[in-house]
Amino acid sequence: MTAPSATSAPPVPGCPSCSPARLALGRLRRDRFAVAGAALVALLLAAALAAPLLAPHDPTAIVPTLRLAPVGSPGYPLGGDELGRCVLSRMLWGARLSLLVAFVPVLVSLLVGVVAGAVAGWAGGLLDEGVMRILDVLLAFPPILLALGIAASLGPGTWNLIASLMVIGVPVFARLTRAAVLGVRSRLFIEAAEALGAGRNAVLGRHVLPNIVAPILVYVTLQCGRTVIAATGLSFLGLGAPPPAPDWGGMLAAGQKVLAVAPHVATVPGLAIFLLTVALNLLGDGLRDALDPTLKD
């Protein structure tokens, strides 16, 4: 019998030819809730991108005779709002702003937080202490209150809202990355790479960072859901896109004033916010289970 090659990778139980990434994708596909969440997020993204083609009317056009028109009105499938604007058109165009505010702060804070956390955890010493103390100051404030204070000081506006959400996102990604780096840097394969003469930067880029992608990727989806809620809350308080720009949080705030006579004005954006948040959390839970290395197929 021929002895196995010493350089060959050990087979994965249940699928000798499958890579860990392929196994994780297979687990994710078998998770019906995660697939449903991913499909709903994709559908909302597609609707936002196709808003100019799908919206039946100008989202800012006011038709006084259609003020508070009920759902199912001719030419207005979701009715009219408190000023006579098409709710469906405002929902489609508002999806662009709401998804922009949901994803851009997370991506930017992900980039900044991963770099800060990786450098601090890998370098250690005074640099680590300095970065962590700065993060502790930011984490000392409740995130929504910190975002509220920053957004209020900058004034209403989409990019001011994004900036405030970025600030509250950086500390969580930095601490998560630092903890993951500290857990990986003491592993035997890191010591072996250093013993073979690999430089510290090369070890960090080629061996450490690829092994901490899974928990960060899971947290990205969960943080997107939290950011949707935070952004909606700030827009509800008037710190989002100024009128007449369509925004789900602003639509929700306007709809509460006519909730007794036209509940659809607030219910429609509220339902969209709820579905987007649930979809992102279902996708995050599915990714967490799919990327868990302890699971066996």
C-alpha atoms as a PDB file:
ATOM      1  CA  MET A   1       0.000   0.000   0.000  1.00  0.00           C
ATOM      2  CA  THR A   2       1.343   3.407  -0.954  1.00  0.00           C
ATOM      3  CA  ALA A   3       1.814   5.797   1.926  1.00  0.00           C
ATOM      4  CA  PRO A   4      -0.033   9.094   1.627  1.00  0.00           C
ATOM      5  CA  SER A   5       2.001  12.114   0.659  1.00  0.00           C
ATOM      6  CA  ALA A   6       3.180  14.181   3.610  1.00  0.00           C
ATOM      7  CA  THR A   7       2.269  17.383   1.780  1.00  0.00           C
ATOM      8  CA  SER A   8      -1.299  16.481   0.926  1.00  0.00           C
ATOM      9  CA  ALA A   9      -4.073  18.197   2.916  1.00  0.00           C
ATOM     10  CA  PRO A  10      -6.170  15.960   5.154  1.00  0.00           C
ATOM     11  CA  PRO A  11      -9.549  15.121   3.627  1.00  0.00           C
ATOM     12  CA  VAL A  12     -12.625  16.829   4.958  1.00  0.00           C
ATOM     13  CA  PRO A  13     -14.996  14.322   6.584  1.00  0.00           C
ATOM     14  CA  GLY A  14     -17.963  13.577   4.338  1.00  0.00           C
ATOM     15  CA  CYS A  15     -16.463  15.324   1.317  1.00  0.00           C
ATOM     16  CA  PRO A  16     -12.766  14.595   0.733  1.00  0.00           C
ATOM     17  CA  SER A  17     -12.535  16.887  -2.301  1.00  0.00           C
ATOM     18  CA  CYS A  18     -14.426  19.853  -0.810  1.00  0.00           C
ATOM     19  CA  SER A  19     -12.705  22.976   0.459  1.00  0.00           C
ATOM     20  CA  PRO A  20     -13.893  24.623   3.703  1.00  0.00           C
ATOM     21  CA  ALA A  21     -15.391  27.478   1.667  1.00  0.00           C
ATOM     22  CA  ARG A  22     -17.365  25.054  -0.474  1.00  0.00           C
ATOM     23  CA  LEU A  23     -18.610  23.207   2.585  1.00  0.00           C
ATOM     24  CA  ALA A  24     -19.717  26.491   4.173  1.00  0.00           C
ATOM     25  CA  LEU A  25     -21.565  27.476   0.989  1.00  0.00           C
ATOM     26  CA  GLY A  26     -23.276  24.102   0.948  1.00  0.00           C
ATOM     27  CA  ARG A  27     -24.419  24.514   4.552  1.00  0.00           C
ATOM     28  CA  LEU A  28     -25.678  28.016   3.782  1.00  0.00           C
ATOM     29  CA  ARG A  29     -27.701  26.755   0.809  1.00  0.00           C
ATOM     30  CA  ARG A  30     -29.369  24.131   2.982  1.00  0.00           C
ATOM     31  CA  ASP A  31     -30.421  26.750   5.553  1.00  0.00           C
ATOM     32  CA  ARG A  32     -33.873  27.799   4.332  1.00  0.00           C
ATOM     33  CA  PHE A  33     -34.060  30.827   6.626  1.00  0.00           C
ATOM     34  CA  ALA A  34     -30.662  32.115   5.490  1.00  0.00           C
ATOM     35  CA  VAL A  35     -31.599  31.620   1.835  1.00  0.00           C
ATOM     36  CA  ALA A  36     -34.876  33.462   2.414  1.00  0.00           C
ATOM     37  CA  GLY A  37     -33.020  36.314   4.110  1.00  0.00           C
ATOM     38  CA  ALA A  38     -30.470  36.564   1.301  1.00  0.00           C
ATOM     39  CA  ALA A  39     -33.246  36.488  -1.322  1.00  0.00           C
ATOM     40  CA  LEU A  40     -35.163  39.272   0.426  1.00  0.00           C
ATOM     41  CA  VAL A  41     -32.061  41.464   0.739  1.00  0.00           C
ATOM     42  CA  ALA A  42     -31.287  40.862  -2.951  1.00  0.00           C
ATOM     43  CA  LEU A  43     -34.880  41.720  -3.878  1.00  0.00           C
ATOM     44  CA  LEU A  44     -34.758  45.005  -1.965  1.00  0.00           C
ATOM     45  CA  LEU A  45     -31.415  45.888  -3.538  1.00  0.00           C
ATOM     46  CA  ALA A  46     -32.779  45.136  -7.000  1.00  0.00           C
ATOM     47  CA  ALA A  47     -35.874  47.249  -6.334  1.00  0.00           C
ATOM     48  CA  ALA A  48     -33.709  50.141  -5.144  1.00  0.00           C
ATOM     49  CA  LEU A  49     -31.464  49.970  -8.202  1.00  0.00           C
ATOM     50  CA  ALA A  50     -34.451  49.753 -10.536  1.00  0.00           C
ATOM     51  CA  ALA A  51     -36.393  52.545  -8.819  1.00  0.00           C
ATOM     52  CA  PRO A  52     -36.325  54.851 -11.892  1.00  0.00           C
ATOM     53  CA  LEU A  53     -37.933  52.068 -13.940  1.00  0.00           C
ATOM     54  CA  LEU A  54     -40.359  50.712 -11.339  1.00  0.00           C
ATOM     55  CA  ALA A  55     -41.636  53.918  -9.711  1.00  0.00           C
ATOM     56  CA  PRO A  56     -44.952  54.885 -11.354  1.00  0.00           C
ATOM     57  CA  HIS A  57     -44.695  58.577 -10.389  1.00  0.00           C
ATOM     58  CA  ASP A  58     -42.274  61.280  -9.316  1.00  0.00           C
ATOM     59  CA  PRO A  59     -41.692  60.626  -5.585  1.00  0.00           C
ATOM     60  CA  THR A  60     -41.867  64.351  -4.809  1.00  0.00           C
ATOM     61  CA  ALA A  61     -44.868  65.220  -7.017  1.00  0.00           C
ATOM     62  CA  ILE A  62     -47.887  66.397  -4.994  1.00  0.00           C
ATOM     63  CA  VAL A  63     -51.426  65.668  -6.168  1.00  0.00           C
ATOM     64  CA  PRO A  64     -53.794  67.323  -3.632  1.00  0.00           C
ATOM     65  CA  THR A  65     -56.806  65.232  -4.719  1.00  0.00           C
ATOM     66  CA  LEU A  66     -54.919  62.041  -3.779  1.00  0.00           C
ATOM     67  CA  ARG A  67     -54.090  63.126  -0.239  1.00  0.00           C
ATOM     68  CA  LEU A  68     -54.331  60.064   2.041  1.00  0.00           C
ATOM     69  CA  ALA A  69     -55.636  57.962  -0.866  1.00  0.00           C
ATOM     70  CA  PRO A  70     -56.160  54.364   0.297  1.00  0.00           C
ATOM     71  CA  VAL A  71     -54.206  51.346  -0.851  1.00  0.00           C
ATOM     72  CA  GLY A  72     -55.379  50.137  -4.254  1.00  0.00           C
ATOM     73  CA  SER A  73     -56.276  53.547  -5.650  1.00  0.00           C
ATOM     74  CA  PRO A  74     -56.074  53.725  -9.484  1.00  0.00           C
ATOM     75  CA  GLY A  75     -52.448  54.416 -10.424  1.00  0.00           C
ATOM     76  CA  TYR A  76     -51.409  54.422  -6.751  1.00  0.00           C
ATOM     77  CA  PRO A  77     -51.096  50.767  -5.627  1.00  0.00           C
ATOM     78  CA  LEU A  78     -49.946  51.725  -2.110  1.00  0.00           C
ATOM     79  CA  GLY A  79     -52.077  54.854  -1.878  1.00  0.00           C
ATOM     80  CA  GLY A  80     -51.072  58.445  -1.254  1.00  0.00           C
ATOM     81  CA  ASP A  81     -49.380  60.067   1.724  1.00  0.00           C
ATOM     82  CA  GLU A  82     -50.360  63.072   3.823  1.00  0.00           C
ATOM     83  CA  LEU A  83     -49.484  65.465   0.978  1.00  0.00           C
ATOM     84  CA  GLY A  84     -50.812  63.414  -1.931  1.00  0.00           C
ATOM     85  CA  ARG A  85     -47.539  61.821  -3.050  1.00  0.00           C
ATOM     86  CA  CYS A  86     -47.302  58.260  -4.347  1.00  0.00           C
ATOM     87  CA  VAL A  87     -46.304  55.974  -1.463  1.00  0.00           C
ATOM     88  CA  LEU A  88     -45.013  53.245  -3.793  1.00  0.00           C
ATOM     89  CA  SER A  89     -42.737  55.663  -5.652  1.00  0.00           C
ATOM     90  CA  ARG A  90     -41.429  57.096  -2.402  1.00  0.00           C
ATOM     91  CA  MET A  91     -40.795  53.592  -1.047  1.00  0.00           C
ATOM     92  CA  LEU A  92     -38.780  52.595  -4.120  1.00  0.00           C
ATOM     93  CA  TRP A  93     -36.702  55.766  -4.166  1.00  0.00           C
ATOM     94  CA  GLY A  94     -36.439  55.738  -0.379  1.00  0.00           C
ATOM     95  CA  ALA A  95     -34.938  52.257  -0.558  1.00  0.00           C
ATOM     96  CA  ARG A  96     -31.904  53.812  -2.218  1.00  0.00           C
ATOM     97  CA  LEU A  97     -31.286  56.215   0.635  1.00  0.00           C
ATOM     98  CA  SER A  98     -32.131  53.687   3.341  1.00  0.00           C
ATOM     99  CA  LEU A  99     -29.849  50.976   1.923  1.00  0.00           C
ATOM    100  CA  LEU A 100     -27.092  53.513   1.317  1.00  0.00           C
ATOM    101  CA  VAL A 101     -27.260  54.611   4.951  1.00  0.00           C
ATOM    102  CA  ALA A 102     -27.423  50.975   6.068  1.00  0.00           C
ATOM    103  CA  PHE A 103     -24.439  49.595   4.142  1.00  0.00           C
ATOM    104  CA  VAL A 104     -21.959  52.442   3.574  1.00  0.00           C
ATOM    105  CA  PRO A 105     -21.298  53.157   7.294  1.00  0.00           C
ATOM    106  CA  VAL A 106     -20.792  49.436   7.942  1.00  0.00           C
ATOM    107  CA  LEU A 107     -18.330  49.030   5.068  1.00  0.00           C
ATOM    108  CA  VAL A 108     -16.304  52.104   6.025  1.00  0.00           C
ATOM    109  CA  SER A 109     -16.270  51.251   9.742  1.00  0.00           C
ATOM    110  CA  LEU A 110     -15.347  47.671   8.784  1.00  0.00           C
ATOM    111  CA  LEU A 111     -12.294  48.874   6.867  1.00  0.00           C
ATOM    112  CA  VAL A 112     -11.143  51.298   9.562  1.00  0.00           C
ATOM    113  CA  GLY A 113     -11.955  48.970  12.458  1.00  0.00           C
ATOM    114  CA  VAL A 114     -10.238  45.908  10.951  1.00  0.00           C
ATOM    115  CA  VAL A 115      -7.067  47.877  10.216  1.00  0.00           C
ATOM    116  CA  ALA A 116      -6.988  49.430  13.695  1.00  0.00           C
ATOM    117  CA  GLY A 117      -7.801  46.190  15.489  1.00  0.00           C
ATOM    118  CA  ALA A 118      -5.375  44.075  13.463  1.00  0.00           C
ATOM    119  CA  VAL A 119      -2.485  46.506  13.936  1.00  0.00           C
ATOM    120  CA  ALA A 120      -3.186  46.888  17.652  1.00  0.00           C
ATOM    121  CA  GLY A 121      -3.538  43.162  18.294  1.00  0.00           C
ATOM    122  CA  TRP A 122      -0.511  42.215  16.224  1.00  0.00           C
ATOM    123  CA  ALA A 123       1.824  44.969  17.419  1.00  0.00           C
ATOM    124  CA  GLY A 124       0.874  44.904  21.106  1.00  0.00           C
ATOM    125  CA  GLY A 125       2.635  47.133  23.621  1.00  0.00           C
ATOM    126  CA  LEU A 126       1.987  50.856  23.785  1.00  0.00           C
ATOM    127  CA  LEU A 127       0.296  50.973  20.387  1.00  0.00           C
ATOM    128  CA  ASP A 128      -2.228  48.380  21.504  1.00  0.00           C
ATOM    129  CA  GLU A 129      -2.861  50.229  24.770  1.00  0.00           C
ATOM    130  CA  GLY A 130      -3.301  53.563  23.004  1.00  0.00           C
ATOM    131  CA  VAL A 131      -5.754  52.245  20.424  1.00  0.00           C
ATOM    132  CA  MET A 132      -7.757  50.377  23.045  1.00  0.00           C
ATOM    133  CA  ARG A 133      -8.072  53.394  25.322  1.00  0.00           C
ATOM    134  CA  ILE A 134      -9.407  55.496  22.443  1.00  0.00           C
ATOM    135  CA  LEU A 135     -11.922  52.784  21.663  1.00  0.00           C
ATOM    136  CA  ASP A 136     -12.901  52.557  25.333  1.00  0.00           C
ATOM    137  CA  VAL A 137     -13.774  56.253  25.302  1.00  0.00           C
ATOM    138  CA  LEU A 138     -16.092  55.728  22.317  1.00  0.00           C
ATOM    139  CA  LEU A 139     -17.601  52.591  23.829  1.00  0.00           C
ATOM    140  CA  ALA A 140     -18.309  54.410  27.101  1.00  0.00           C
ATOM    141  CA  PHE A 141     -21.288  56.102  25.414  1.00  0.00           C
ATOM    142  CA  PRO A 142     -24.424  54.191  24.349  1.00  0.00           C
ATOM    143  CA  PRO A 143     -24.062  53.853  20.556  1.00  0.00           C
ATOM    144  CA  ILE A 144     -27.393  55.402  19.627  1.00  0.00           C
ATOM    145  CA  LEU A 145     -26.820  58.382  21.937  1.00  0.00           C
ATOM    146  CA  LEU A 146     -23.336  58.928  20.517  1.00  0.00           C
ATOM    147  CA  ALA A 147     -24.720  58.794  16.967  1.00  0.00           C
ATOM    148  CA  LEU A 148     -27.536  61.138  17.965  1.00  0.00           C
ATOM    149  CA  GLY A 149     -25.088  63.653  19.415  1.00  0.00           C
ATOM    150  CA  ILE A 150     -22.824  63.566  16.365  1.00  0.00           C
ATOM    151  CA  ALA A 151     -25.705  63.787  13.884  1.00  0.00           C
ATOM    152  CA  ALA A 152     -27.307  66.653  15.822  1.00  0.00           C
ATOM    153  CA  SER A 153     -24.040  68.601  15.928  1.00  0.00           C
ATOM    154  CA  LEU A 154     -23.449  68.105  12.188  1.00  0.00           C
ATOM    155  CA  GLY A 155     -27.038  68.870  11.240  1.00  0.00           C
ATOM    156  CA  PRO A 156     -29.598  67.008   9.108  1.00  0.00           C
ATOM    157  CA  GLY A 157     -28.306  65.356   5.954  1.00  0.00           C
ATOM    158  CA  THR A 158     -27.630  61.937   4.482  1.00  0.00           C
ATOM    159  CA  TRP A 159     -23.836  62.129   4.646  1.00  0.00           C
ATOM    160  CA  ASN A 160     -23.873  63.610   8.155  1.00  0.00           C
ATOM    161  CA  LEU A 161     -26.041  60.659   9.207  1.00  0.00           C
ATOM    162  CA  ILE A 162     -23.614  58.241   7.550  1.00  0.00           C
ATOM    163  CA  ALA A 163     -20.668  59.876   9.332  1.00  0.00           C
ATOM    164  CA  SER A 164     -22.329  59.509  12.735  1.00  0.00           C
ATOM    165  CA  LEU A 165     -23.076  55.825  12.103  1.00  0.00           C
ATOM    166  CA  MET A 166     -19.493  55.233  10.983  1.00  0.00           C
ATOM    167  CA  VAL A 167     -18.151  56.531  14.280  1.00  0.00           C
ATOM    168  CA  ILE A 168     -20.224  54.112  16.355  1.00  0.00           C
ATOM    169  CA  GLY A 169     -19.318  51.180  14.085  1.00  0.00           C
ATOM    170  CA  VAL A 170     -15.522  51.446  14.194  1.00  0.00           C
ATOM    171  CA  PRO A 171     -15.019  50.450  17.878  1.00  0.00           C
ATOM    172  CA  VAL A 172     -16.982  47.194  17.631  1.00  0.00           C
ATOM    173  CA  PHE A 173     -15.125  46.032  14.523  1.00  0.00           C
ATOM    174  CA  ALA A 174     -11.772  47.046  16.008  1.00  0.00           C
ATOM    175  CA  ARG A 175     -12.348  45.141  19.249  1.00  0.00           C
ATOM    176  CA  LEU A 176     -13.654  42.086  17.395  1.00  0.00           C
ATOM    177  CA  THR A 177     -10.638  42.073  15.073  1.00  0.00           C
ATOM    178  CA  ARG A 178      -8.171  42.573  17.911  1.00  0.00           C
ATOM    179  CA  ALA A 179      -9.670  39.686  19.882  1.00  0.00           C
ATOM    180  CA  ALA A 180      -9.544  37.426  16.822  1.00  0.00           C
ATOM    181  CA  VAL A 181      -5.928  38.382  16.072  1.00  0.00           C
ATOM    182  CA  LEU A 182      -4.871  37.693  19.667  1.00  0.00           C
ATOM    183  CA  GLY A 183      -6.519  34.280  19.441  1.00  0.00           C
ATOM    184  CA  VAL A 184      -4.779  33.363  16.180  1.00  0.00           C
ATOM    185  CA  ARG A 185      -1.300  34.778  16.824  1.00  0.00           C
ATOM    186  CA  SER A 186      -0.544  32.132  19.473  1.00  0.00           C
ATOM    187  CA  ARG A 187      -1.412  29.208  17.170  1.00  0.00           C
ATOM    188  CA  LEU A 188       1.283  26.755  16.134  1.00  0.00           C
ATOM    189  CA  PHE A 189       1.064  27.502  12.412  1.00  0.00           C
ATOM    190  CA  ILE A 190       1.898  31.159  13.120  1.00  0.00           C
ATOM    191  CA  GLU A 191       4.984  30.097  15.067  1.00  0.00           C
ATOM    192  CA  ALA A 192       5.934  27.759  12.229  1.00  0.00           C
ATOM    193  CA  ALA A 193       5.624  30.539   9.640  1.00  0.00           C
ATOM    194  CA  GLU A 194       7.813  32.833  11.715  1.00  0.00           C
ATOM    195  CA  ALA A 195      10.342  30.030  12.293  1.00  0.00           C
ATOM    196  CA  LEU A 196      10.586  29.540   8.517  1.00  0.00           C
ATOM    197  CA  GLY A 197      11.648  33.160   8.130  1.00  0.00           C
ATOM    198  CA  ALA A 198       8.401  34.877   7.109  1.00  0.00           C
ATOM    199  CA  GLY A 199       8.284  38.562   8.015  1.00  0.00           C
ATOM    200  CA  ARG A 200       5.768  39.856  10.524  1.00  0.00           C
ATOM    201  CA  ASN A 201       3.806  41.792   7.926  1.00  0.00           C
ATOM    202  CA  ALA A 202       3.701  38.740   5.669  1.00  0.00           C
ATOM    203  CA  VAL A 203       2.494  36.546   8.525  1.00  0.00           C
ATOM    204  CA  LEU A 204      -0.223  39.061   9.371  1.00  0.00           C
ATOM    205  CA  GLY A 205      -1.426  39.366   5.782  1.00  0.00           C
ATOM    206  CA  ARG A 206      -1.094  35.754   4.629  1.00  0.00           C
ATOM    207  CA  HIS A 207      -1.829  33.742   7.766  1.00  0.00           C
ATOM    208  CA  VAL A 208      -3.576  35.824  10.423  1.00  0.00           C
ATOM    209  CA  LEU A 209      -6.137  37.891   8.503  1.00  0.00           C
ATOM    210  CA  PRO A 210      -7.493  35.002   6.366  1.00  0.00           C
ATOM    211  CA  ASN A 211      -8.196  33.064   9.575  1.00  0.00           C
ATOM    212  CA  ILE A 212     -10.321  35.809  11.149  1.00  0.00           C
ATOM    213  CA  VAL A 213     -12.549  36.497   8.144  1.00  0.00           C
ATOM    214  CA  ALA A 214     -15.389  34.224   9.303  1.00  0.00           C
ATOM    215  CA  PRO A 215     -16.388  36.010  12.545  1.00  0.00           C
ATOM    216  CA  ILE A 216     -15.985  39.419  10.920  1.00  0.00           C
ATOM    217  CA  LEU A 217     -18.146  38.429   7.943  1.00  0.00           C
ATOM    218  CA  VAL A 218     -20.892  37.208  10.251  1.00  0.00           C
ATOM    219  CA  TYR A 219     -20.769  40.388  12.297  1.00  0.00           C
ATOM    220  CA  VAL A 220     -21.023  42.540   9.140  1.00  0.00           C
ATOM    221  CA  THR A 221     -24.492  41.205   8.351  1.00  0.00           C
ATOM    222  CA  LEU A 222     -25.657  41.576  11.946  1.00  0.00           C
ATOM    223  CA  GLN A 223     -24.244  45.098  12.161  1.00  0.00           C
ATOM    224  CA  CYS A 224     -26.072  46.054   8.960  1.00  0.00           C
ATOM    225  CA  GLY A 225     -29.355  45.170  10.669  1.00  0.00           C
ATOM    226  CA  ARG A 226     -28.464  47.268  13.702  1.00  0.00           C
ATOM    227  CA  THR A 227     -27.448  50.145  11.453  1.00  0.00           C
ATOM    228  CA  VAL A 228     -30.807  50.030   9.657  1.00  0.00           C
ATOM    229  CA  ILE A 229     -32.578  50.478  12.992  1.00  0.00           C
ATOM    230  CA  ALA A 230     -30.204  53.248  14.121  1.00  0.00           C
ATOM    231  CA  ALA A 231     -30.459  55.100  10.806  1.00  0.00           C
ATOM    232  CA  THR A 232     -34.241  54.821  10.813  1.00  0.00           C
ATOM    233  CA  GLY A 233     -34.406  56.140  14.355  1.00  0.00           C
ATOM    234  CA  LEU A 234     -32.241  59.141  13.540  1.00  0.00           C
ATOM    235  CA  SER A 235     -34.240  59.852  10.381  1.00  0.00           C
ATOM    236  CA  PHE A 236     -37.434  59.561  12.418  1.00  0.00           C
ATOM    237  CA  LEU A 237     -36.078  62.357  14.637  1.00  0.00           C
ATOM    238  CA  GLY A 238     -35.401  64.552  11.603  1.00  0.00           C
ATOM    239  CA  LEU A 239     -31.643  63.955  11.311  1.00  0.00           C
ATOM    240  CA  GLY A 240     -31.739  62.072   8.003  1.00  0.00           C
ATOM    241  CA  ALA A 241     -32.293  63.293   4.473  1.00  0.00           C
ATOM    242  CA  PRO A 242     -34.174  66.615   4.563  1.00  0.00           C
ATOM    243  CA  PRO A 243     -37.649  66.812   2.966  1.00  0.00           C
ATOM    244  CA  PRO A 244     -38.880  66.238   0.331  1.00  0.00           C
ATOM    245  CA  ALA A 245     -36.289  63.497  -0.234  1.00  0.00           C
ATOM    246  CA  PRO A 246     -37.927  60.081   0.294  1.00  0.00           C
ATOM    247  CA  ASP A 247     -36.526  58.241   3.287  1.00  0.00           C
ATOM    248  CA  TRP A 248     -38.115  55.327   5.133  1.00  0.00           C
ATOM    249  CA  GLY A 249     -37.456  56.821   8.562  1.00  0.00           C
ATOM    250  CA  GLY A 250     -38.834  60.204   7.509  1.00  0.00           C
ATOM    251  CA  MET A 251     -41.863  58.537   5.943  1.00  0.00           C
ATOM    252  CA  LEU A 252     -42.476  56.672   9.183  1.00  0.00           C
ATOM    253  CA  ALA A 253     -42.308  59.919  11.156  1.00  0.00           C
ATOM    254  CA  ALA A 254     -44.730  61.664   8.799  1.00  0.00           C
ATOM    255  CA  GLY A 255     -47.092  58.704   8.804  1.00  0.00           C
ATOM    256  CA  GLN A 256     -47.524  58.677  12.571  1.00  0.00           C
ATOM    257  CA  LYS A 257     -49.370  61.998  12.353  1.00  0.00           C
ATOM    258  CA  VAL A 258     -52.114  60.445  10.218  1.00  0.00           C
ATOM    259  CA  LEU A 259     -51.996  56.958  11.684  1.00  0.00           C
ATOM    260  CA  ALA A 260     -55.629  57.040  12.817  1.00  0.00           C
ATOM    261  CA  VAL A 261     -57.082  57.964   9.412  1.00  0.00           C
ATOM    262  CA  ALA A 262     -54.507  56.489   6.978  1.00  0.00           C
ATOM    263  CA  PRO A 263     -52.496  53.728   8.676  1.00  0.00           C
ATOM    264  CA  HIS A 264     -50.889  52.626   5.407  1.00  0.00           C
ATOM    265  CA  VAL A 265     -48.722  55.780   5.282  1.00  0.00           C
ATOM    266  CA  ALA A 266     -46.735  54.573   8.311  1.00  0.00           C
ATOM    267  CA  THR A 267     -47.348  50.835   8.012  1.00  0.00           C
ATOM    268  CA  VAL A 268     -45.739  50.418   4.592  1.00  0.00           C
ATOM    269  CA  PRO A 269     -42.297  51.915   5.478  1.00  0.00           C
ATOM    270  CA  GLY A 270     -42.445  50.294   8.919  1.00  0.00           C
ATOM    271  CA  LEU A 271     -43.023  46.890   7.336  1.00  0.00           C
ATOM    272  CA  ALA A 272     -40.149  47.443   4.886  1.00  0.00           C
ATOM    273  CA  ILE A 273     -37.782  48.350   7.729  1.00  0.00           C
ATOM    274  CA  PHE A 274     -38.901  45.289   9.680  1.00  0.00           C
ATOM    275  CA  LEU A 275     -38.426  42.928   6.715  1.00  0.00           C
ATOM    276  CA  LEU A 276     -34.972  44.297   5.864  1.00  0.00           C
ATOM    277  CA  THR A 277     -33.787  43.972   9.455  1.00  0.00           C
ATOM    278  CA  VAL A 278     -35.146  40.430   9.818  1.00  0.00           C
ATOM    279  CA  ALA A 279     -33.615  39.400   6.476  1.00  0.00           C
ATOM    280  CA  LEU A 280     -30.176  40.668   7.470  1.00  0.00           C
ATOM    281  CA  ASN A 281     -30.351  38.879  10.813  1.00  0.00           C
ATOM    282  CA  LEU A 282     -31.471  35.617   9.209  1.00  0.00           C
ATOM    283  CA  LEU A 283     -28.576  35.862   6.774  1.00  0.00           C
ATOM    284  CA  GLY A 284     -26.159  36.590   9.612  1.00  0.00           C
ATOM    285  CA  ASP A 285     -27.376  33.619  11.646  1.00  0.00           C
ATOM    286  CA  GLY A 286     -27.024  31.385   8.607  1.00  0.00           C
ATOM    287  CA  LEU A 287     -23.488  32.587   7.938  1.00  0.00           C
ATOM    288  CA  ARG A 288     -22.550  31.997  11.571  1.00  0.00           C
ATOM    289  CA  ASP A 289     -23.716  28.390  11.381  1.00  0.00           C
ATOM    290  CA  ALA A 290     -22.226  27.798   7.929  1.00  0.00           C
ATOM    291  CA  LEU A 291     -18.800  29.126   8.897  1.00  0.00           C
ATOM    292  CA  ASP A 292     -18.640  27.253  12.206  1.00  0.00           C
ATOM    293  CA  PRO A 293     -15.610  24.925  11.820  1.00  0.00           C
ATOM    294  CA  THR A 294     -16.966  22.553  14.485  1.00  0.00           C
ATOM    295  CA  LEU A 295     -19.942  21.535  12.340  1.00  0.00           C
ATOM    296  CA  LYS A 296     -19.698  18.261  10.447  1.00  0.00           C
ATOM    297  CA  ASP A 297     -21.523  17.370   7.239  1.00  0.00           C
END
